[in-house]
Amino acid sequence: MEKRYENELVGFNARMTDLHAAIGRVQLTKLAGWTAQRQANAAFLDANLRNVVVPPVADGAVHVYHQYTIRVPGADRDRIVAELAERGIGTGVYYPIPTHQLPSFRLDFDLPETTRAAAEVISLPVHPKLTADDLARIVEAVNAVAGAGS
């Protein structure tokens, strides 16, 4: 990819060295604990965030929260990301361009909900190393920023 998130070609990344595989095998023994902690962190965020849409979980499904992606409908997402950064809260916008609009696909579809979602999503920290203080800071910052002039 020449420019981040603008994949010119459709492809796969399926390579792994023996060293990476060995590390991964050890990490897999920790996966259940990490997942449980991510789920607990997400439950705290779900219960305390305001003025945003938290990740939905379908009935009967279990979310592992590899990412915790909120939506900020009608708000200036980039302003929110910048203000969270000023407050020391890391964020990610992993899919800023809808897949159907990537140069590699060249699809001429009208997918307004997909386009809207791409403009509204922000991923917040949810990793298992977050402390209670970290979670409280994230909630305080998001609530302040998302509630201010969105």
N, C-alpha and C. Protein backbone atom coordinates (compact mmCIF):
# COMPACT_ATOMS: atom_id res chain seq x y z
N MET A 1 0.85 -1.17 0.00
CA MET A 1 0.00 0.00 0.00
C MET A 1 0.89 1.23 0.00
N GLU A 2 0.63 2.11 -0.91
CA GLU A 2 1.41 3.34 -1.04
C GLU A 2 1.02 4.36 0.02
N LYS A 3 -0.27 4.46 0.31
CA LYS A 3 -0.79 5.41 1.29
C LYS A 3 -1.63 4.62 2.30
N ARG A 4 -1.43 4.89 3.59
CA ARG A 4 -2.09 4.12 4.63
C ARG A 4 -3.60 4.05 4.41
N TYR A 5 -4.13 2.86 4.54
CA TYR A 5 -5.56 2.54 4.40
C TYR A 5 -6.11 2.69 2.99
N GLU A 6 -5.26 2.94 2.02
CA GLU A 6 -5.74 3.05 0.64
C GLU A 6 -5.12 1.93 -0.20
N ASN A 7 -5.49 0.71 0.10
CA ASN A 7 -4.93 -0.46 -0.56
C ASN A 7 -5.20 -0.41 -2.05
N GLU A 8 -4.12 -0.40 -2.83
CA GLU A 8 -4.25 -0.35 -4.28
C GLU A 8 -4.54 -1.73 -4.87
N LEU A 9 -4.10 -2.77 -4.16
CA LEU A 9 -4.29 -4.14 -4.63
C LEU A 9 -4.96 -4.97 -3.54
N VAL A 10 -5.76 -5.92 -3.95
CA VAL A 10 -6.35 -6.85 -3.00
C VAL A 10 -5.29 -7.91 -2.72
N GLY A 11 -5.06 -8.19 -1.45
CA GLY A 11 -4.03 -9.18 -1.11
C GLY A 11 -4.25 -9.74 0.27
N PHE A 12 -3.32 -10.57 0.69
CA PHE A 12 -3.39 -11.22 1.98
C PHE A 12 -2.05 -11.07 2.69
N ASN A 13 -2.08 -11.13 4.00
CA ASN A 13 -0.87 -11.15 4.81
C ASN A 13 -0.96 -12.40 5.67
N ALA A 14 -0.38 -13.48 5.21
CA ALA A 14 -0.49 -14.75 5.91
C ALA A 14 0.88 -15.33 6.25
N ARG A 15 1.86 -14.48 6.41
CA ARG A 15 3.20 -14.98 6.69
C ARG A 15 3.48 -14.92 8.19
N MET A 16 4.20 -15.93 8.66
CA MET A 16 4.58 -15.97 10.06
C MET A 16 5.89 -16.76 10.14
N THR A 17 6.85 -16.21 10.84
CA THR A 17 8.11 -16.92 11.02
C THR A 17 7.96 -17.97 12.11
N ASP A 18 8.91 -18.87 12.19
CA ASP A 18 8.89 -19.89 13.25
C ASP A 18 8.97 -19.22 14.62
N LEU A 19 9.75 -18.16 14.73
CA LEU A 19 9.87 -17.44 16.00
C LEU A 19 8.53 -16.84 16.41
N HIS A 20 7.85 -16.21 15.46
CA HIS A 20 6.53 -15.65 15.76
C HIS A 20 5.55 -16.74 16.18
N ALA A 21 5.62 -17.88 15.52
CA ALA A 21 4.73 -19.00 15.87
C ALA A 21 5.01 -19.48 17.29
N ALA A 22 6.29 -19.57 17.67
CA ALA A 22 6.64 -20.01 19.02
C ALA A 22 6.12 -19.03 20.07
N ILE A 23 6.27 -17.74 19.81
CA ILE A 23 5.76 -16.72 20.73
C ILE A 23 4.24 -16.81 20.81
N GLY A 24 3.60 -16.97 19.66
CA GLY A 24 2.15 -17.07 19.61
C GLY A 24 1.61 -18.26 20.39
N ARG A 25 2.31 -19.38 20.35
CA ARG A 25 1.86 -20.56 21.11
C ARG A 25 1.84 -20.27 22.60
N VAL A 26 2.85 -19.57 23.09
CA VAL A 26 2.89 -19.22 24.52
C VAL A 26 1.78 -18.21 24.83
N GLN A 27 1.60 -17.23 23.97
CA GLN A 27 0.57 -16.23 24.21
C GLN A 27 -0.83 -16.84 24.21
N LEU A 28 -1.05 -17.87 23.42
CA LEU A 28 -2.37 -18.51 23.40
C LEU A 28 -2.77 -19.06 24.76
N THR A 29 -1.81 -19.41 25.59
CA THR A 29 -2.14 -19.92 26.93
C THR A 29 -2.70 -18.81 27.81
N LYS A 30 -2.47 -17.56 27.43
CA LYS A 30 -2.94 -16.40 28.21
C LYS A 30 -4.23 -15.80 27.64
N LEU A 31 -4.66 -16.32 26.51
CA LEU A 31 -5.77 -15.69 25.78
C LEU A 31 -7.06 -15.61 26.58
N ALA A 32 -7.44 -16.65 27.27
CA ALA A 32 -8.70 -16.65 28.02
C ALA A 32 -8.71 -15.54 29.07
N GLY A 33 -7.61 -15.38 29.79
CA GLY A 33 -7.52 -14.32 30.80
C GLY A 33 -7.55 -12.94 30.18
N TRP A 34 -6.83 -12.77 29.08
CA TRP A 34 -6.83 -11.47 28.40
C TRP A 34 -8.24 -11.13 27.91
N THR A 35 -8.91 -12.13 27.35
CA THR A 35 -10.27 -11.90 26.84
C THR A 35 -11.21 -11.51 27.97
N ALA A 36 -11.12 -12.22 29.09
CA ALA A 36 -11.99 -11.90 30.24
C ALA A 36 -11.73 -10.48 30.73
N GLN A 37 -10.48 -10.04 30.76
CA GLN A 37 -10.17 -8.69 31.20
C GLN A 37 -10.67 -7.65 30.20
N ARG A 38 -10.52 -7.93 28.92
CA ARG A 38 -11.05 -7.02 27.88
C ARG A 38 -12.57 -6.90 28.03
N GLN A 39 -13.24 -8.02 28.28
CA GLN A 39 -14.69 -8.00 28.44
C GLN A 39 -15.08 -7.19 29.67
N ALA A 40 -14.33 -7.32 30.75
CA ALA A 40 -14.61 -6.53 31.96
C ALA A 40 -14.38 -5.04 31.68
N ASN A 41 -13.31 -4.72 30.98
CA ASN A 41 -13.03 -3.32 30.64
C ASN A 41 -14.14 -2.76 29.75
N ALA A 42 -14.57 -3.55 28.78
CA ALA A 42 -15.65 -3.10 27.89
C ALA A 42 -16.95 -2.91 28.66
N ALA A 43 -17.23 -3.79 29.62
CA ALA A 43 -18.45 -3.64 30.42
C ALA A 43 -18.43 -2.33 31.19
N PHE A 44 -17.27 -1.97 31.72
CA PHE A 44 -17.14 -0.69 32.44
C PHE A 44 -17.39 0.47 31.48
N LEU A 45 -16.77 0.43 30.30
CA LEU A 45 -16.96 1.50 29.33
C LEU A 45 -18.43 1.57 28.90
N ASP A 46 -19.03 0.41 28.61
CA ASP A 46 -20.46 0.38 28.22
C ASP A 46 -21.33 1.08 29.25
N ALA A 47 -21.05 0.81 30.52
CA ALA A 47 -21.89 1.32 31.61
C ALA A 47 -21.68 2.81 31.88
N ASN A 48 -20.54 3.35 31.46
CA ASN A 48 -20.21 4.71 31.88
C ASN A 48 -20.04 5.74 30.77
N LEU A 49 -19.91 5.32 29.53
CA LEU A 49 -19.76 6.30 28.45
C LEU A 49 -21.10 6.93 28.10
N ARG A 50 -21.08 8.21 27.77
CA ARG A 50 -22.27 8.97 27.41
C ARG A 50 -22.04 9.67 26.07
N ASN A 51 -23.10 10.00 25.38
CA ASN A 51 -23.07 10.76 24.13
C ASN A 51 -22.33 10.05 23.00
N VAL A 52 -22.17 8.74 23.11
CA VAL A 52 -21.58 7.93 22.04
C VAL A 52 -22.38 6.64 21.93
N VAL A 53 -22.19 5.93 20.84
CA VAL A 53 -22.81 4.62 20.66
C VAL A 53 -21.74 3.57 20.94
N VAL A 54 -21.98 2.74 21.95
CA VAL A 54 -21.01 1.70 22.31
C VAL A 54 -21.20 0.49 21.39
N PRO A 55 -20.21 -0.39 21.33
CA PRO A 55 -20.31 -1.54 20.42
C PRO A 55 -21.50 -2.44 20.75
N PRO A 56 -22.34 -2.71 19.78
CA PRO A 56 -23.47 -3.61 20.03
C PRO A 56 -22.99 -5.06 20.07
N VAL A 57 -23.71 -5.85 20.82
CA VAL A 57 -23.43 -7.30 20.88
C VAL A 57 -24.75 -8.01 20.61
N ALA A 58 -24.77 -8.82 19.58
CA ALA A 58 -25.99 -9.53 19.19
C ALA A 58 -26.39 -10.54 20.28
N ASP A 59 -27.68 -10.74 20.41
CA ASP A 59 -28.19 -11.75 21.36
C ASP A 59 -27.53 -13.09 21.06
N GLY A 60 -27.07 -13.75 22.11
CA GLY A 60 -26.45 -15.05 21.96
C GLY A 60 -25.00 -15.02 21.52
N ALA A 61 -24.47 -13.83 21.27
CA ALA A 61 -23.07 -13.69 20.84
C ALA A 61 -22.19 -13.31 22.02
N VAL A 62 -20.92 -13.60 21.90
CA VAL A 62 -19.93 -13.21 22.89
C VAL A 62 -18.87 -12.38 22.18
N HIS A 63 -18.65 -11.18 22.64
CA HIS A 63 -17.68 -10.27 22.04
C HIS A 63 -16.36 -10.43 22.77
N VAL A 64 -15.25 -10.52 22.04
CA VAL A 64 -13.94 -10.63 22.69
C VAL A 64 -13.22 -9.29 22.79
N TYR A 65 -13.75 -8.26 22.15
CA TYR A 65 -13.23 -6.89 22.24
C TYR A 65 -11.75 -6.80 21.87
N HIS A 66 -11.42 -7.37 20.72
CA HIS A 66 -10.09 -7.12 20.16
C HIS A 66 -9.93 -5.61 19.97
N GLN A 67 -11.02 -4.97 19.58
CA GLN A 67 -11.10 -3.51 19.53
C GLN A 67 -12.39 -3.10 20.24
N TYR A 68 -12.39 -1.92 20.80
CA TYR A 68 -13.60 -1.36 21.40
C TYR A 68 -13.90 -0.10 20.59
N THR A 69 -14.80 -0.25 19.64
CA THR A 69 -15.05 0.83 18.68
C THR A 69 -16.41 1.47 18.94
N ILE A 70 -16.37 2.75 19.26
CA ILE A 70 -17.58 3.53 19.48
C ILE A 70 -17.93 4.28 18.21
N ARG A 71 -19.15 4.81 18.18
CA ARG A 71 -19.56 5.70 17.09
C ARG A 71 -19.97 7.03 17.69
N VAL A 72 -19.67 8.09 16.96
CA VAL A 72 -20.03 9.44 17.39
C VAL A 72 -20.91 10.09 16.31
N PRO A 73 -22.17 9.66 16.22
CA PRO A 73 -23.06 10.17 15.17
C PRO A 73 -23.24 11.68 15.25
N GLY A 74 -23.13 12.31 14.10
CA GLY A 74 -23.38 13.75 14.02
C GLY A 74 -22.28 14.61 14.60
N ALA A 75 -21.20 14.00 15.06
CA ALA A 75 -20.10 14.77 15.66
C ALA A 75 -18.93 14.84 14.70
N ASP A 76 -18.02 15.74 14.97
CA ASP A 76 -16.78 15.85 14.21
C ASP A 76 -15.79 14.85 14.80
N ARG A 77 -15.75 13.67 14.21
CA ARG A 77 -14.91 12.59 14.72
C ARG A 77 -13.45 13.02 14.86
N ASP A 78 -12.92 13.71 13.87
CA ASP A 78 -11.51 14.08 13.91
C ASP A 78 -11.23 15.07 15.04
N ARG A 79 -12.18 15.95 15.33
CA ARG A 79 -12.03 16.87 16.47
C ARG A 79 -11.99 16.07 17.77
N ILE A 80 -12.87 15.11 17.89
CA ILE A 80 -12.91 14.29 19.11
C ILE A 80 -11.60 13.53 19.28
N VAL A 81 -11.10 12.93 18.21
CA VAL A 81 -9.83 12.20 18.27
C VAL A 81 -8.71 13.14 18.71
N ALA A 82 -8.66 14.34 18.13
CA ALA A 82 -7.61 15.31 18.48
C ALA A 82 -7.72 15.73 19.95
N GLU A 83 -8.94 15.99 20.41
CA GLU A 83 -9.10 16.42 21.80
C GLU A 83 -8.81 15.29 22.78
N LEU A 84 -9.12 14.06 22.41
CA LEU A 84 -8.76 12.94 23.28
C LEU A 84 -7.24 12.79 23.34
N ALA A 85 -6.57 12.99 22.23
CA ALA A 85 -5.11 12.93 22.21
C ALA A 85 -4.52 13.99 23.13
N GLU A 86 -5.09 15.19 23.11
CA GLU A 86 -4.62 16.26 24.00
C GLU A 86 -4.78 15.87 25.46
N ARG A 87 -5.74 15.03 25.76
CA ARG A 87 -5.99 14.58 27.13
C ARG A 87 -5.24 13.27 27.44
N GLY A 88 -4.41 12.84 26.51
CA GLY A 88 -3.60 11.64 26.74
C GLY A 88 -4.32 10.32 26.51
N ILE A 89 -5.42 10.35 25.76
CA ILE A 89 -6.17 9.13 25.47
C ILE A 89 -5.86 8.70 24.04
N GLY A 90 -5.25 7.55 23.90
CA GLY A 90 -4.96 7.01 22.57
C GLY A 90 -6.22 6.51 21.91
N THR A 91 -6.31 6.69 20.63
CA THR A 91 -7.45 6.21 19.86
C THR A 91 -6.95 5.61 18.55
N GLY A 92 -7.83 4.94 17.86
CA GLY A 92 -7.53 4.44 16.53
C GLY A 92 -8.74 4.62 15.64
N VAL A 93 -8.48 4.89 14.38
CA VAL A 93 -9.53 4.90 13.37
C VAL A 93 -9.02 3.92 12.32
N TYR A 94 -9.45 2.66 12.44
CA TYR A 94 -8.85 1.59 11.66
C TYR A 94 -9.40 1.44 10.26
N TYR A 95 -10.60 1.89 10.02
CA TYR A 95 -11.19 1.74 8.70
C TYR A 95 -11.82 3.07 8.27
N PRO A 96 -10.97 4.07 8.02
CA PRO A 96 -11.51 5.39 7.67
C PRO A 96 -12.11 5.46 6.27
N ILE A 97 -11.78 4.49 5.43
CA ILE A 97 -12.31 4.46 4.07
C ILE A 97 -13.14 3.18 3.93
N PRO A 98 -14.41 3.31 3.56
CA PRO A 98 -15.22 2.10 3.36
C PRO A 98 -14.58 1.19 2.31
N THR A 99 -14.65 -0.10 2.53
CA THR A 99 -14.00 -1.06 1.63
C THR A 99 -14.41 -0.87 0.18
N HIS A 100 -15.67 -0.60 -0.05
CA HIS A 100 -16.13 -0.47 -1.43
C HIS A 100 -15.55 0.77 -2.12
N GLN A 101 -14.98 1.70 -1.34
CA GLN A 101 -14.40 2.91 -1.92
C GLN A 101 -12.88 2.81 -2.08
N LEU A 102 -12.28 1.71 -1.67
CA LEU A 102 -10.83 1.54 -1.81
C LEU A 102 -10.46 1.40 -3.29
N PRO A 103 -9.33 1.96 -3.66
CA PRO A 103 -8.90 1.86 -5.07
C PRO A 103 -8.79 0.42 -5.56
N SER A 104 -8.46 -0.51 -4.66
CA SER A 104 -8.28 -1.90 -5.07
C SER A 104 -9.58 -2.56 -5.52
N PHE A 105 -10.72 -2.09 -5.03
CA PHE A 105 -11.99 -2.70 -5.40
C PHE A 105 -12.71 -1.94 -6.51
N ARG A 106 -12.56 -0.63 -6.54
CA ARG A 106 -13.19 0.20 -7.57
C ARG A 106 -14.67 -0.13 -7.76
N LEU A 107 -15.40 -0.20 -6.66
CA LEU A 107 -16.82 -0.53 -6.73
C LEU A 107 -17.65 0.75 -6.66
N ASP A 108 -18.63 0.82 -7.52
CA ASP A 108 -19.49 1.99 -7.57
C ASP A 108 -20.82 1.66 -6.91
N PHE A 109 -20.78 1.50 -5.58
CA PHE A 109 -21.97 1.20 -4.81
C PHE A 109 -22.36 2.41 -3.99
N ASP A 110 -23.65 2.58 -3.79
CA ASP A 110 -24.14 3.61 -2.88
C ASP A 110 -24.46 2.91 -1.56
N LEU A 111 -23.55 2.98 -0.61
CA LEU A 111 -23.72 2.34 0.69
C LEU A 111 -23.64 3.42 1.77
N PRO A 112 -24.72 4.18 1.94
CA PRO A 112 -24.67 5.32 2.85
C PRO A 112 -24.40 4.95 4.30
N GLU A 113 -24.90 3.82 4.78
CA GLU A 113 -24.65 3.44 6.19
C GLU A 113 -23.18 3.07 6.40
N THR A 114 -22.59 2.41 5.42
CA THR A 114 -21.17 2.07 5.49
C THR A 114 -20.33 3.34 5.49
N THR A 115 -20.67 4.26 4.62
CA THR A 115 -19.94 5.52 4.53
C THR A 115 -20.08 6.31 5.83
N ARG A 116 -21.28 6.34 6.38
CA ARG A 116 -21.52 7.04 7.63
C ARG A 116 -20.72 6.40 8.78
N ALA A 117 -20.74 5.08 8.84
CA ALA A 117 -20.00 4.38 9.90
C ALA A 117 -18.51 4.70 9.81
N ALA A 118 -17.97 4.70 8.61
CA ALA A 118 -16.53 4.99 8.44
C ALA A 118 -16.17 6.38 8.95
N ALA A 119 -17.12 7.31 8.88
CA ALA A 119 -16.86 8.69 9.33
C ALA A 119 -17.09 8.87 10.82
N GLU A 120 -17.73 7.89 11.47
CA GLU A 120 -18.13 8.05 12.88
C GLU A 120 -17.35 7.20 13.87
N VAL A 121 -16.56 6.24 13.43
CA VAL A 121 -15.95 5.28 14.35
C VAL A 121 -14.65 5.76 14.96
N ILE A 122 -14.50 5.42 16.24
CA ILE A 122 -13.27 5.68 17.00
C ILE A 122 -13.04 4.47 17.89
N SER A 123 -11.86 3.89 17.83
CA SER A 123 -11.54 2.77 18.72
C SER A 123 -10.80 3.30 19.94
N LEU A 124 -11.27 2.87 21.10
CA LEU A 124 -10.70 3.29 22.38
C LEU A 124 -9.87 2.16 22.97
N PRO A 125 -8.96 2.48 23.89
CA PRO A 125 -8.19 1.42 24.56
C PRO A 125 -9.12 0.49 25.33
N VAL A 126 -8.85 -0.81 25.23
CA VAL A 126 -9.62 -1.81 25.96
C VAL A 126 -8.70 -2.94 26.42
N HIS A 127 -7.41 -2.81 26.16
CA HIS A 127 -6.46 -3.90 26.41
C HIS A 127 -6.45 -4.34 27.87
N PRO A 128 -5.99 -5.55 28.12
CA PRO A 128 -6.07 -6.12 29.47
C PRO A 128 -5.18 -5.47 30.52
N LYS A 129 -4.26 -4.62 30.12
CA LYS A 129 -3.37 -3.97 31.09
C LYS A 129 -3.93 -2.66 31.64
N LEU A 130 -5.12 -2.24 31.19
CA LEU A 130 -5.72 -1.00 31.70
C LEU A 130 -6.05 -1.16 33.18
N THR A 131 -5.77 -0.11 33.93
CA THR A 131 -6.13 -0.09 35.35
C THR A 131 -7.48 0.57 35.53
N ALA A 132 -8.02 0.50 36.73
CA ALA A 132 -9.28 1.19 37.04
C ALA A 132 -9.13 2.68 36.82
N ASP A 133 -7.97 3.24 37.19
CA ASP A 133 -7.71 4.67 36.97
C ASP A 133 -7.67 4.99 35.47
N ASP A 134 -7.05 4.12 34.67
CA ASP A 134 -7.01 4.33 33.22
C ASP A 134 -8.42 4.37 32.65
N LEU A 135 -9.24 3.41 33.05
CA LEU A 135 -10.61 3.36 32.56
C LEU A 135 -11.40 4.59 32.96
N ALA A 136 -11.22 5.05 34.18
CA ALA A 136 -11.92 6.26 34.65
C ALA A 136 -11.47 7.47 33.83
N ARG A 137 -10.18 7.57 33.53
CA ARG A 137 -9.67 8.69 32.71
C ARG A 137 -10.26 8.65 31.30
N ILE A 138 -10.35 7.46 30.73
CA ILE A 138 -10.93 7.32 29.39
C ILE A 138 -12.38 7.78 29.39
N VAL A 139 -13.15 7.31 30.37
CA VAL A 139 -14.56 7.68 30.46
C VAL A 139 -14.71 9.18 30.66
N GLU A 140 -13.95 9.74 31.58
CA GLU A 140 -14.04 11.18 31.85
C GLU A 140 -13.73 11.98 30.59
N ALA A 141 -12.68 11.60 29.88
CA ALA A 141 -12.28 12.34 28.68
C ALA A 141 -13.32 12.20 27.56
N VAL A 142 -13.76 10.99 27.30
CA VAL A 142 -14.73 10.79 26.22
C VAL A 142 -16.03 11.51 26.53
N ASN A 143 -16.50 11.40 27.76
CA ASN A 143 -17.74 12.07 28.11
C ASN A 143 -17.63 13.58 27.99
N ALA A 144 -16.49 14.12 28.38
CA ALA A 144 -16.30 15.57 28.28
C ALA A 144 -16.22 16.02 26.82
N VAL A 145 -15.45 15.31 26.03
CA VAL A 145 -15.21 15.72 24.65
C VAL A 145 -16.43 15.43 23.77
N ALA A 146 -17.03 14.25 23.92
CA ALA A 146 -18.18 13.91 23.08
C ALA A 146 -19.40 14.74 23.43
N GLY A 147 -19.46 15.21 24.67
CA GLY A 147 -20.60 16.03 25.08
C GLY A 147 -20.44 17.51 24.80
N ALA A 148 -19.24 17.90 24.36
CA ALA A 148 -18.94 19.31 24.14
C ALA A 148 -18.98 19.65 22.67
N GLY A 149 -20.03 20.27 22.25
CA GLY A 149 -20.10 20.77 20.88
C GLY A 149 -20.13 19.72 19.80
N SER A 150 -20.58 18.51 20.14
CA SER A 150 -20.66 17.50 19.10
C SER A 150 -21.71 17.91 18.14
